[in-house]
Amino acid sequence: MADIAKLSAESITKRLDAIIHLMMEEQNQSGKLNRSDQLRILNSVGLTTAEIARIVNQSSKDVASAVSKLRKKTGKG
């Protein structure tokens, strides 16, 4: 338990990002979630585009563009 107290916020964030990434990849490979669904979900829980980009291994610019398109699409539907 003492080892956990020594972890920095950055270290914890990195580990959580890895867990989320693995879960998203598993859903993507099984055909349950496509990339757009992943971005929509991650955005809906309040993550920034930079945080989402880290999780899905894409550039922040690409994620920002995709999220913007998803918002416009959702707004029209």
C-alpha atoms as a PDB file:
ATOM      1  CA  MET A   1       0.000   0.000   0.000  1.00  0.00           C
ATOM      2  CA  ALA A   2       2.869   2.386   0.713  1.00  0.00           C
ATOM      3  CA  ASP A   3       3.987   2.094  -2.926  1.00  0.00           C
ATOM      4  CA  ILE A   4       0.667   3.516  -4.123  1.00  0.00           C
ATOM      5  CA  ALA A   5       1.169   6.642  -2.032  1.00  0.00           C
ATOM      6  CA  LYS A   6       4.457   7.248  -3.835  1.00  0.00           C
ATOM      7  CA  LEU A   7       2.849   7.363  -7.286  1.00  0.00           C
ATOM      8  CA  SER A   8       2.575  10.813  -8.802  1.00  0.00           C
ATOM      9  CA  ALA A   9      -0.594  12.120 -10.392  1.00  0.00           C
ATOM     10  CA  GLU A  10       1.120  11.876 -13.796  1.00  0.00           C
ATOM     11  CA  SER A  11       2.029   8.254 -13.177  1.00  0.00           C
ATOM     12  CA  ILE A  12      -1.514   7.399 -12.126  1.00  0.00           C
ATOM     13  CA  THR A  13      -2.922   9.202 -15.162  1.00  0.00           C
ATOM     14  CA  LYS A  14      -0.600   7.267 -17.458  1.00  0.00           C
ATOM     15  CA  ARG A  15      -1.742   3.959 -15.964  1.00  0.00           C
ATOM     16  CA  LEU A  16      -5.436   4.871 -16.199  1.00  0.00           C
ATOM     17  CA  ASP A  17      -4.961   5.985 -19.807  1.00  0.00           C
ATOM     18  CA  ALA A  18      -3.378   2.614 -20.578  1.00  0.00           C
ATOM     19  CA  ILE A  19      -6.291   0.738 -19.011  1.00  0.00           C
ATOM     20  CA  ILE A  20      -8.844   2.809 -20.913  1.00  0.00           C
ATOM     21  CA  HIS A  21      -6.883   2.319 -24.147  1.00  0.00           C
ATOM     22  CA  LEU A  22      -6.812  -1.443 -23.710  1.00  0.00           C
ATOM     23  CA  MET A  23     -10.537  -1.580 -22.974  1.00  0.00           C
ATOM     24  CA  MET A  24     -11.358   0.578 -25.999  1.00  0.00           C
ATOM     25  CA  GLU A  25      -9.131  -1.520 -28.270  1.00  0.00           C
ATOM     26  CA  GLU A  26     -10.823  -4.689 -27.073  1.00  0.00           C
ATOM     27  CA  GLN A  27     -14.239  -3.220 -27.877  1.00  0.00           C
ATOM     28  CA  ASN A  28     -12.988  -1.976 -31.249  1.00  0.00           C
ATOM     29  CA  GLN A  29     -11.553  -5.365 -32.244  1.00  0.00           C
ATOM     30  CA  SER A  30     -14.674  -7.214 -31.199  1.00  0.00           C
ATOM     31  CA  GLY A  31     -16.730  -4.908 -33.411  1.00  0.00           C
ATOM     32  CA  LYS A  32     -18.698  -3.493 -30.489  1.00  0.00           C
ATOM     33  CA  LEU A  33     -17.309   0.050 -30.734  1.00  0.00           C
ATOM     34  CA  ASN A  34     -15.886   1.842 -33.726  1.00  0.00           C
ATOM     35  CA  ARG A  35     -13.473   4.781 -33.417  1.00  0.00           C
ATOM     36  CA  SER A  36     -16.266   7.365 -33.694  1.00  0.00           C
ATOM     37  CA  ASP A  37     -18.151   5.726 -30.838  1.00  0.00           C
ATOM     38  CA  GLN A  38     -14.988   5.694 -28.740  1.00  0.00           C
ATOM     39  CA  LEU A  39     -14.379   9.384 -29.354  1.00  0.00           C
ATOM     40  CA  ARG A  40     -18.007  10.233 -28.622  1.00  0.00           C
ATOM     41  CA  ILE A  41     -17.944   8.344 -25.313  1.00  0.00           C
ATOM     42  CA  LEU A  42     -14.608   9.775 -24.175  1.00  0.00           C
ATOM     43  CA  ASN A  43     -15.740  13.284 -25.097  1.00  0.00           C
ATOM     44  CA  SER A  44     -19.075  12.833 -23.321  1.00  0.00           C
ATOM     45  CA  VAL A  45     -17.362  12.103 -19.994  1.00  0.00           C
ATOM     46  CA  GLY A  46     -15.542  15.422 -20.174  1.00  0.00           C
ATOM     47  CA  LEU A  47     -12.086  14.446 -21.371  1.00  0.00           C
ATOM     48  CA  THR A  48     -10.178  17.048 -23.356  1.00  0.00           C
ATOM     49  CA  THR A  49      -9.117  16.348 -26.921  1.00  0.00           C
ATOM     50  CA  ALA A  50      -5.516  16.030 -25.693  1.00  0.00           C
ATOM     51  CA  GLU A  51      -6.542  13.395 -23.148  1.00  0.00           C
ATOM     52  CA  ILE A  52      -8.602  11.526 -25.732  1.00  0.00           C
ATOM     53  CA  ALA A  53      -5.723  11.683 -28.216  1.00  0.00           C
ATOM     54  CA  ARG A  54      -3.393  10.068 -25.689  1.00  0.00           C
ATOM     55  CA  ILE A  55      -5.870   7.257 -25.065  1.00  0.00           C
ATOM     56  CA  VAL A  56      -6.623   6.455 -28.713  1.00  0.00           C
ATOM     57  CA  ASN A  57      -3.079   7.083 -29.991  1.00  0.00           C
ATOM     58  CA  GLN A  58      -4.034   9.830 -32.424  1.00  0.00           C
ATOM     59  CA  SER A  59      -2.888  13.408 -32.727  1.00  0.00           C
ATOM     60  CA  SER A  60      -4.809  16.057 -30.800  1.00  0.00           C
ATOM     61  CA  LYS A  61      -5.534  17.800 -34.093  1.00  0.00           C
ATOM     62  CA  ASP A  62      -7.132  14.678 -35.601  1.00  0.00           C
ATOM     63  CA  VAL A  63      -9.172  14.033 -32.461  1.00  0.00           C
ATOM     64  CA  ALA A  64     -10.336  17.654 -32.283  1.00  0.00           C
ATOM     65  CA  SER A  65     -11.454  17.495 -35.893  1.00  0.00           C
ATOM     66  CA  ALA A  66     -13.279  14.190 -35.429  1.00  0.00           C
ATOM     67  CA  VAL A  67     -14.967  15.323 -32.212  1.00  0.00           C
ATOM     68  CA  SER A  68     -16.066  18.551 -33.898  1.00  0.00           C
ATOM     69  CA  LYS A  69     -17.618  16.567 -36.747  1.00  0.00           C
ATOM     70  CA  LEU A  70     -19.364  14.271 -34.264  1.00  0.00           C
ATOM     71  CA  ARG A  71     -20.819  17.268 -32.418  1.00  0.00           C
ATOM     72  CA  LYS A  72     -22.131  18.759 -35.650  1.00  0.00           C
ATOM     73  CA  LYS A  73     -23.585  15.407 -36.701  1.00  0.00           C
ATOM     74  CA  THR A  74     -25.246  14.907 -33.311  1.00  0.00           C
ATOM     75  CA  GLY A  75     -26.627  18.435 -33.376  1.00  0.00           C
ATOM     76  CA  LYS A  76     -28.328  17.805 -36.706  1.00  0.00           C
ATOM     77  CA  GLY A  77     -29.770  14.427 -35.694  1.00  0.00           C
END
